[in-house]
Protein backbone atom coordinates (compact mmCIF):
# COMPACT_ATOMS: atom_id res chain seq x y z
CA MET A 1 134.13 58.39 48.65
CA GLU A 2 130.79 59.72 47.56
CA VAL A 3 128.04 57.18 46.82
CA MET A 4 128.50 57.30 43.05
CA GLU A 5 132.28 56.92 43.33
CA MET A 6 131.79 53.97 45.68
CA GLU A 7 129.45 52.36 43.23
CA PHE A 8 131.98 52.64 40.48
CA PHE A 9 134.81 51.46 42.76
CA TYR A 10 132.82 48.21 43.16
CA GLU A 11 132.24 48.08 39.43
CA ILE A 12 136.02 48.21 38.90
CA PHE A 13 136.58 45.63 41.64
CA ASP A 14 133.81 43.35 40.45
CA PRO A 15 133.04 40.06 42.23
CA SER A 16 134.09 38.18 39.06
CA LEU A 17 137.76 39.13 39.64
CA PRO A 18 139.70 36.17 41.10
CA ARG A 19 141.13 38.34 43.89
CA HIS A 20 140.77 41.92 45.23
CA GLY A 21 144.26 42.14 46.71
CA PRO A 22 147.64 40.44 46.53
CA GLY A 23 147.66 36.76 47.55
CA ASP A 24 147.93 33.16 46.48
CA ASP A 25 146.30 29.94 47.64
CA LYS A 26 149.68 28.29 48.36
CA TRP A 27 150.80 31.15 50.57
CA THR A 28 147.59 30.99 52.52
CA GLN A 29 148.28 27.28 52.99
CA LYS A 30 151.85 28.03 54.00
CA ALA A 31 150.72 30.47 56.65
CA LEU A 32 148.25 28.01 57.95
CA GLU A 33 150.91 25.34 58.15
CA VAL A 34 153.20 27.70 60.16
CA LEU A 35 150.41 28.24 62.63
CA LEU A 36 149.14 24.64 62.64
CA PRO A 37 151.85 22.18 61.46
CA PRO A 38 150.33 19.00 59.98
CA GLY A 39 148.99 16.73 62.74
CA GLU A 40 148.54 19.67 65.19
CA LYS A 41 145.27 21.21 63.82
CA ARG A 42 143.56 20.96 67.16
CA ARG A 43 146.43 22.16 69.30
CA GLY A 44 145.22 24.48 72.09
CA THR A 45 141.54 23.95 71.42
CA GLY A 46 140.66 21.24 73.91
CA GLU A 47 140.05 17.53 73.25
CA GLY A 48 137.13 17.02 70.89
CA ARG A 49 136.54 20.76 70.27
CA THR A 50 136.12 22.14 66.78
CA LEU A 51 138.13 25.14 65.86
CA LYS A 52 136.08 28.35 65.41
CA VAL A 53 137.52 30.52 62.63
CA LEU A 54 136.86 34.13 61.67
CA ASP A 55 137.90 35.55 58.29
CA LEU A 56 137.73 39.32 58.62
CA GLY A 57 137.39 41.41 55.50
CA CYS A 58 137.05 38.21 53.46
CA GLY A 59 135.99 39.73 50.11
CA THR A 60 135.06 36.95 47.61
CA GLY A 61 137.10 34.60 49.87
CA PRO A 62 139.80 32.77 47.94
CA GLN A 63 141.63 32.34 51.28
CA THR A 64 138.33 31.33 53.01
CA ILE A 65 138.07 28.41 50.68
CA VAL A 66 141.57 27.33 51.42
CA LEU A 67 140.93 27.51 55.16
CA ALA A 68 137.66 25.57 54.83
CA ARG A 69 139.15 22.79 52.78
CA ALA A 70 142.18 22.46 55.05
CA LEU A 71 140.42 22.65 58.35
CA GLY A 72 136.86 21.53 57.85
CA SER A 73 135.92 23.82 60.71
CA PRO A 74 133.11 26.40 60.99
CA ILE A 75 134.25 29.70 59.46
CA LEU A 76 132.51 33.07 59.84
CA ALA A 77 133.41 35.21 56.88
CA VAL A 78 132.77 38.89 57.31
CA ASP A 79 132.69 41.63 54.66
CA ASN A 80 130.86 44.94 54.09
CA HIS A 81 129.83 44.21 50.52
CA GLU A 82 127.06 41.75 49.93
CA PRO A 83 127.96 40.89 46.30
CA TYR A 84 131.38 39.71 47.50
CA LEU A 85 129.73 37.45 50.11
CA ALA A 86 127.32 36.10 47.50
CA GLU A 87 130.19 35.22 45.24
CA LEU A 88 131.99 33.61 48.15
CA ARG A 89 128.95 31.41 48.81
CA ARG A 90 128.82 30.50 45.17
CA ARG A 91 132.50 29.50 45.23
CA ALA A 92 132.04 27.61 48.46
CA GLN A 93 129.18 25.63 46.90
CA ALA A 94 131.22 24.86 43.84
CA THR A 95 134.11 23.51 45.99
CA GLY A 96 131.97 21.58 48.40
CA VAL A 97 132.66 23.64 51.59
CA LEU A 98 129.42 25.69 51.91
CA ASP A 99 128.31 23.53 54.85
CA VAL A 100 131.16 24.94 57.09
CA LEU A 101 130.69 28.51 55.97
CA GLU A 102 128.64 31.35 57.53
CA THR A 103 128.76 34.78 55.87
CA ARG A 104 127.95 38.08 57.64
CA LEU A 105 127.53 41.51 56.15
CA ALA A 106 129.23 43.80 58.66
CA ASP A 107 131.58 46.78 59.07
CA MET A 108 134.95 45.71 60.51
CA ARG A 109 134.73 48.79 62.72
CA GLN A 110 131.41 47.63 64.23
CA LEU A 111 131.72 43.80 64.49
CA ARG A 112 129.69 43.28 67.72
CA LEU A 113 131.24 39.81 68.12
CA PRO A 114 131.83 38.31 71.62
CA PRO A 115 135.34 38.67 72.96
CA GLY A 116 137.46 35.50 73.03
CA SER A 117 135.06 33.65 70.72
CA PHE A 118 137.43 32.43 68.00
CA ASP A 119 140.40 30.00 67.88
CA ILE A 120 141.73 31.47 64.70
CA VAL A 121 141.34 34.94 63.27
CA TRP A 122 142.39 35.45 59.65
CA SER A 123 142.58 38.69 57.56
CA GLU A 124 144.35 39.03 54.26
CA GLY A 125 144.79 42.52 52.92
CA ALA A 126 141.97 44.02 54.97
CA LEU A 127 143.38 45.09 58.32
CA TYR A 128 144.50 48.44 56.86
CA VAL A 129 140.86 49.60 57.19
CA LEU A 130 141.40 49.79 60.96
CA GLU A 131 145.18 50.66 60.62
CA PHE A 132 147.41 47.77 61.62
CA THR A 133 147.97 48.56 65.30
CA LYS A 134 144.26 49.05 65.99
CA GLY A 135 143.41 46.04 63.87
CA LEU A 136 145.75 43.91 66.00
CA GLU A 137 143.88 44.91 69.11
CA VAL A 138 140.52 44.20 67.62
CA CYS A 139 141.59 40.75 66.42
CA ARG A 140 143.41 39.92 69.66
CA ASP A 141 140.28 40.58 71.75
CA LEU A 142 138.27 38.16 69.56
CA LEU A 143 140.80 35.34 70.14
CA ALA A 144 140.42 32.80 72.89
CA PRO A 145 143.57 32.53 75.09
CA GLY A 146 146.24 30.76 73.01
CA GLY A 147 144.31 31.47 69.82
CA LEU A 148 146.02 31.95 66.51
CA MET A 149 146.05 34.78 64.05
CA ALA A 150 147.33 35.44 60.55
CA VAL A 151 147.25 38.70 58.66
CA THR A 152 148.82 40.32 55.68
CA GLU A 153 149.86 43.97 55.93
CA LEU A 154 151.55 46.39 53.43
CA CYS A 155 155.10 47.06 54.55
CA TRP A 156 158.24 48.85 53.45
CA LEU A 157 160.72 46.19 52.47
CA ARG A 158 163.78 48.49 52.05
CA PRO A 159 164.80 51.78 53.67
CA ASP A 160 164.68 55.09 51.84
CA PRO A 161 162.12 54.40 49.12
CA PRO A 162 162.18 56.78 46.11
CA GLN A 163 160.32 60.03 46.68
CA ALA A 164 157.60 59.19 44.16
CA CYS A 165 156.85 55.94 46.00
CA ARG A 166 156.92 57.60 49.45
CA THR A 167 154.69 60.49 48.24
CA TYR A 168 152.13 57.97 46.95
CA PHE A 169 151.78 56.27 50.26
CA GLU A 170 151.83 59.46 52.24
CA ARG A 171 148.54 60.12 50.40
CA GLU A 172 147.09 56.60 50.11
CA TYR A 173 148.33 54.77 53.30
CA PRO A 174 150.29 57.06 55.63
CA ALA A 175 150.23 54.28 58.34
CA ILE A 176 152.61 52.00 56.35
CA MET A 177 155.56 50.81 58.42
CA ASP A 178 158.56 48.59 57.82
CA ILE A 179 158.64 44.95 58.97
CA PRO A 180 160.51 45.46 62.23
CA ALA A 181 158.14 48.18 63.30
CA ASN A 182 155.21 45.90 62.60
CA LEU A 183 156.80 43.06 64.51
CA ALA A 184 157.28 45.42 67.44
CA ALA A 185 153.65 46.44 67.23
CA ILE A 186 152.59 42.79 67.28
CA GLU A 187 154.62 42.12 70.44
CA LYS A 188 153.35 45.28 72.08
CA SER A 189 149.78 44.29 71.42
CA GLY A 190 150.24 41.11 73.54
CA LEU A 191 150.67 38.71 70.64
CA GLU A 192 153.49 36.24 70.19
CA ILE A 193 155.11 36.12 66.76
CA VAL A 194 155.05 32.56 65.34
CA GLY A 195 156.49 33.43 61.93
CA HIS A 196 156.35 35.84 58.84
CA PHE A 197 157.27 35.98 55.25
CA THR A 198 156.92 38.31 52.26
CA LEU A 199 154.49 37.53 49.48
CA PRO A 200 156.29 37.21 46.15
CA GLU A 201 155.77 39.54 43.17
CA SER A 202 153.64 36.82 41.45
CA SER A 203 151.01 37.17 44.23
CA TRP A 204 150.61 40.85 43.02
CA LEU A 205 151.23 40.64 39.32
CA ASP A 206 149.75 37.22 38.24
CA ASN A 207 146.86 36.75 40.71
CA TYR A 208 145.75 40.31 41.25
CA TYR A 209 147.01 43.00 38.89
CA ALA A 210 146.86 41.07 35.62
CA PRO A 211 143.09 40.28 35.87
CA LEU A 212 142.46 43.76 37.25
CA GLU A 213 144.33 45.40 34.37
CA ALA A 214 142.28 43.46 31.84
CA ARG A 215 139.13 44.75 33.49
CA LEU A 216 140.40 48.29 33.32
CA ARG A 217 140.88 47.98 29.56
CA LEU A 218 137.27 46.95 29.17
CA LEU A 219 136.02 49.84 31.34
CA ARG A 220 138.10 52.39 29.52
CA ARG A 221 136.23 51.47 26.37
CA GLU A 222 132.88 51.39 28.08
CA TYR A 223 133.34 54.75 29.77
CA ALA A 224 135.43 56.58 27.12
CA THR A 225 133.30 59.72 27.34
CA ASP A 226 132.99 59.83 31.16
CA PRO A 227 135.87 61.93 32.71
CA GLY A 228 135.01 61.11 36.27
CA LYS A 229 135.07 57.29 35.73
CA LEU A 230 138.18 57.58 33.52
CA GLU A 231 139.94 59.40 36.32
CA MET A 232 139.18 56.52 38.76
CA ILE A 233 140.29 54.00 36.20
CA GLU A 234 143.65 55.79 35.76
CA GLY A 235 144.03 56.06 39.42
CA VAL A 236 143.89 52.23 39.71
CA GLN A 237 146.26 51.91 36.78
CA ALA A 238 148.73 54.33 38.49
CA GLU A 239 148.79 51.96 41.51
CA ILE A 240 149.67 49.06 39.19
CA ASP A 241 152.34 50.96 37.43
CA LEU A 242 153.77 52.09 40.78
CA TYR A 243 154.14 48.52 41.87
CA ARG A 244 155.86 47.46 38.66
CA ARG A 245 158.38 50.25 39.10
CA TYR A 246 158.94 50.05 42.85
CA SER A 247 158.10 46.47 43.94
CA SER A 248 161.43 45.97 45.60
CA TRP A 249 160.71 48.73 48.12
CA TYR A 250 157.25 47.59 49.31
CA GLY A 251 155.02 44.56 49.50
CA TYR A 252 152.71 42.48 51.63
CA GLU A 253 154.16 40.65 54.68
CA PHE A 254 152.28 37.67 56.07
CA PHE A 255 152.42 37.74 59.84
CA MET A 256 151.48 34.63 61.99
CA MET A 257 150.96 35.05 65.73
CA ARG A 258 149.45 33.62 68.86
CA ARG A 259 147.53 35.37 71.71
CA GLN A 260 149.64 34.94 74.86
């Protein structure tokens, strides 16, 4: 995107939105419990050691807050947009977990973090920036031996999606694969699969698209005479409309894994 387009992109996806991708606090909690069943939160980390957690592509951090409250462990939250990190710090302060949080402004493609330095790597809706297979390698290398990882990734849920749906993703995310192909990529990368599940439609429609659609209505009125901005607004609306029509064919899969 050009600079002006990027600025308006961030105006659309304003920090005030509750989420910037599909998700739900309870499903973040569920994924954490699959990785670390109650009573086992220090498994594999050594007696008396504190878990070190990385949240990669954290955005405004709804999942970061869940992890901080559940684990009470130091979390490094990384994103490339400072207003999102500022909002995360505000939310962390409001929920009483700011003391375990460190935020860092960085590009996921240039992290410069020491290999093997984290016990848990988390990334909801962000690994696509690197493409899934490359993202797995990056995250795996940041994990200590036996370390744990959880990510969400856009997947085909059914074979033979309608042509309109397939055409959209050939343009927007050609790296999309089905769940078995992603599971195979996980195993090939040297990670052991601990579990996986599909996010429900409510994680898209209630928590993400409904607030986003309300914002689009406001921006349409504000920029009614700006064709360029209106085109970007309608592009986001087209994504929402596509999901309403074809949600049975694609969605986010939550993958939980362990470094072997």
